C-alpha atoms as a PDB file:
ATOM      1  CA  THR A   1      -0.002   0.021   0.008  1.00  0.00           C
ATOM      2  CA  CYS A   2       1.246   3.510  -0.823  1.00  0.00           C
ATOM      3  CA  ILE A   3      -0.033   6.520   1.079  1.00  0.00           C
ATOM      4  CA  ASP A   4       1.159   9.788  -0.517  1.00  0.00           C
ATOM      5  CA  ARG A   5       2.175  12.752   1.605  1.00  0.00           C
ATOM      6  CA  GLY A   6      -0.101  15.825   1.258  1.00  0.00           C
ATOM      7  CA  ALA A   7       0.885  18.404  -1.330  1.00  0.00           C
ATOM      8  CA  LEU A   8      -1.423  21.295  -0.432  1.00  0.00           C
ATOM      9  CA  SER A   9      -2.771  19.847   2.816  1.00  0.00           C
ATOM     10  CA  ASP A  10      -2.205  16.779   4.894  1.00  0.00           C
ATOM     11  CA  THR A  11      -3.282  13.294   3.943  1.00  0.00           C
ATOM     12  CA  VAL A  12      -5.339  12.130   6.918  1.00  0.00           C
ATOM     13  CA  ILE A  13      -6.522   8.592   7.926  1.00  0.00           C
ATOM     14  CA  GLY A  14      -9.120   8.490  10.727  1.00  0.00           C
ATOM     15  CA  LYS A  15      -9.205   6.295  13.779  1.00  0.00           C
ATOM     16  CA  GLY A  16     -10.251   2.660  13.346  1.00  0.00           C
ATOM     17  CA  THR A  17      -9.838   2.767   9.515  1.00  0.00           C
ATOM     18  CA  LYS A  18      -8.468  -0.467   8.017  1.00  0.00           C
ATOM     19  CA  ILE A  19      -6.525  -0.466   4.729  1.00  0.00           C
ATOM     20  CA  ASN A  20      -5.806  -3.763   2.899  1.00  0.00           C
ATOM     21  CA  ASN A  21      -2.755  -4.358   0.672  1.00  0.00           C
ATOM     22  CA  LEU A  22      -1.855  -3.026  -2.868  1.00  0.00           C
ATOM     23  CA  CYS A  23      -3.946   0.171  -2.332  1.00  0.00           C
ATOM     24  CA  HIS A  24      -2.958   3.712  -3.434  1.00  0.00           C
ATOM     25  CA  ILE A  25      -4.076   6.699  -1.411  1.00  0.00           C
ATOM     26  CA  ALA A  26      -3.071   9.911  -3.125  1.00  0.00           C
ATOM     27  CA  HIS A  27      -2.154  13.317  -1.810  1.00  0.00           C
ATOM     28  CA  ASN A  28      -4.560  15.484   0.244  1.00  0.00           C
ATOM     29  CA  VAL A  29      -6.992  12.597   0.825  1.00  0.00           C
ATOM     30  CA  ILE A  30      -9.054  12.682   3.938  1.00  0.00           C
ATOM     31  CA  ILE A  31     -10.408   9.406   5.257  1.00  0.00           C
ATOM     32  CA  GLY A  32     -12.796   9.342   8.156  1.00  0.00           C
ATOM     33  CA  GLU A  33     -13.236   6.893  11.039  1.00  0.00           C
ATOM     34  CA  ASN A  34     -13.972   3.191  10.763  1.00  0.00           C
ATOM     35  CA  VAL A  35     -13.558   3.039   7.012  1.00  0.00           C
ATOM     36  CA  ILE A  36     -12.818  -0.331   5.371  1.00  0.00           C
ATOM     37  CA  ILE A  37     -10.620  -0.163   2.273  1.00  0.00           C
ATOM     38  CA  THR A  38     -10.139  -3.579   0.713  1.00  0.00           C
ATOM     39  CA  ALA A  39      -7.391  -4.701  -1.742  1.00  0.00           C
ATOM     40  CA  HIS A  40      -6.442  -2.889  -4.911  1.00  0.00           C
ATOM     41  CA  VAL A  41      -8.386   0.298  -4.211  1.00  0.00           C
ATOM     42  CA  ASN A  42      -7.175   3.541  -5.824  1.00  0.00           C
ATOM     43  CA  ILE A  43      -8.121   6.793  -4.200  1.00  0.00           C
ATOM     44  CA  SER A  44      -7.022   9.788  -6.266  1.00  0.00           C
ATOM     45  CA  GLY A  45      -6.063  13.171  -4.860  1.00  0.00           C
ATOM     46  CA  THR A  46      -8.219  15.484  -2.819  1.00  0.00           C
ATOM     47  CA  THR A  47     -10.922  12.847  -2.160  1.00  0.00           C
ATOM     48  CA  ILE A  48     -12.835  12.930   1.079  1.00  0.00           C
ATOM     49  CA  ILE A  49     -14.203   9.687   2.448  1.00  0.00           C
ATOM     50  CA  GLU A  50     -16.511  10.137   5.415  1.00  0.00           C
ATOM     51  CA  ASP A  51     -17.040   7.806   8.357  1.00  0.00           C
ATOM     52  CA  ASN A  52     -18.097   4.080   8.178  1.00  0.00           C
ATOM     53  CA  VAL A  53     -17.607   3.660   4.393  1.00  0.00           C
ATOM     54  CA  TRP A  54     -16.905   0.248   2.925  1.00  0.00           C
ATOM     55  CA  ILE A  55     -14.915   0.143  -0.303  1.00  0.00           C
ATOM     56  CA  ALA A  56     -14.821  -3.216  -2.247  1.00  0.00           C
ATOM     57  CA  PRO A  57     -11.781  -4.559  -4.115  1.00  0.00           C
ATOM     58  CA  ASN A  58     -10.448  -2.812  -7.280  1.00  0.00           C
ATOM     59  CA  ALA A  59     -12.628   0.334  -6.777  1.00  0.00           C
ATOM     60  CA  SER A  60     -11.298   3.590  -8.036  1.00  0.00           C
ATOM     61  CA  MET A  61     -12.142   7.159  -6.987  1.00  0.00           C
ATOM     62  CA  ARG A  62     -11.132   9.756  -9.696  1.00  0.00           C
ATOM     63  CA  GLY A  63     -10.454  12.498  -7.111  1.00  0.00           C
ATOM     64  CA  HIS A  64     -11.833  15.831  -5.938  1.00  0.00           C
ATOM     65  CA  GLN A  65     -15.080  14.197  -4.746  1.00  0.00           C
ATOM     66  CA  THR A  66     -16.791  13.205  -1.467  1.00  0.00           C
ATOM     67  CA  ILE A  67     -17.853   9.725  -0.490  1.00  0.00           C
ATOM     68  CA  GLY A  68     -20.640  10.106   2.071  1.00  0.00           C
ATOM     69  CA  SER A  69     -20.835   8.415   5.427  1.00  0.00           C
ATOM     70  CA  ASN A  70     -22.239   4.862   5.668  1.00  0.00           C
ATOM     71  CA  SER A  71     -22.020   4.332   1.895  1.00  0.00           C
ATOM     72  CA  VAL A  72     -20.746   1.258   0.066  1.00  0.00           C
ATOM     73  CA  ILE A  73     -18.633   1.241  -3.092  1.00  0.00           C
ATOM     74  CA  GLY A  74     -18.908  -2.044  -5.037  1.00  0.00           C
ATOM     75  CA  THR A  75     -16.255  -4.220  -6.546  1.00  0.00           C
ATOM     76  CA  GLY A  76     -14.445  -2.601  -9.524  1.00  0.00           C
ATOM     77  CA  ALA A  77     -16.600   0.594  -9.331  1.00  0.00           C
ATOM     78  CA  VAL A  78     -15.118   3.632 -10.983  1.00  0.00           C
ATOM     79  CA  VAL A  79     -16.546   6.580  -8.985  1.00  0.00           C
ATOM     80  CA  THR A  80     -16.526   9.848 -11.016  1.00  0.00           C
ATOM     81  CA  LYS A  81     -18.776  12.051  -8.833  1.00  0.00           C
ATOM     82  CA  ASP A  82     -19.903  12.608  -5.221  1.00  0.00           C
ATOM     83  CA  VAL A  83     -21.635   9.682  -3.487  1.00  0.00           C
ATOM     84  CA  PRO A  84     -24.392  10.760  -1.094  1.00  0.00           C
ATOM     85  CA  PRO A  85     -24.441   9.297   2.497  1.00  0.00           C
ATOM     86  CA  GLY A  86     -25.939   5.851   2.910  1.00  0.00           C
ATOM     87  CA  GLU A  87     -25.933   4.835  -0.731  1.00  0.00           C
ATOM     88  CA  THR A  88     -24.411   1.846  -2.617  1.00  0.00           C
ATOM     89  CA  TRP A  89     -22.716   2.590  -5.880  1.00  0.00           C
ATOM     90  CA  VAL A  90     -21.521  -0.018  -8.470  1.00  0.00           C
ATOM     91  CA  GLY A  91     -20.348  -0.179 -12.022  1.00  0.00           C
ATOM     92  CA  ASN A  92     -18.199   1.809 -14.530  1.00  0.00           C
ATOM     93  CA  PRO A  93     -18.989   4.654 -14.321  1.00  0.00           C
ATOM     94  CA  ALA A  94     -20.400   4.022 -10.796  1.00  0.00           C
ATOM     95  CA  LYS A  95     -24.094   4.732 -10.289  1.00  0.00           C
ATOM     96  CA  LYS A  96     -26.489   4.269  -7.393  1.00  0.00           C
ATOM     97  CA  LEU A  97     -27.635   0.648  -6.913  1.00  0.00           C
ATOM     98  CA  SER A  98     -31.487   0.748  -6.848  1.00  0.00           C
ATOM     99  CA  LYS A  99     -33.618  -1.896  -5.287  1.00  0.00           C
END
């Protein structure tokens, strides 16, 4: 796993967050508390991940976006915009999973 040092502001990882192997966390990323980041996840620069988010393997965040608290990002999802709190997003490009 590679965690880049902040360029314009600090890269921050919250209490209780777990990060699996082979992940990349870019510069200026803020990760909240109790986030689960599974293997092969890419989080591009200046992304904010709020508390209690679960990110499945091989997901990618393009950067400059917010992943809302209590949300789920599915396997292989390519997230290109903000994810509201409590939603599950899947696919490429990632979209809200509807029931």
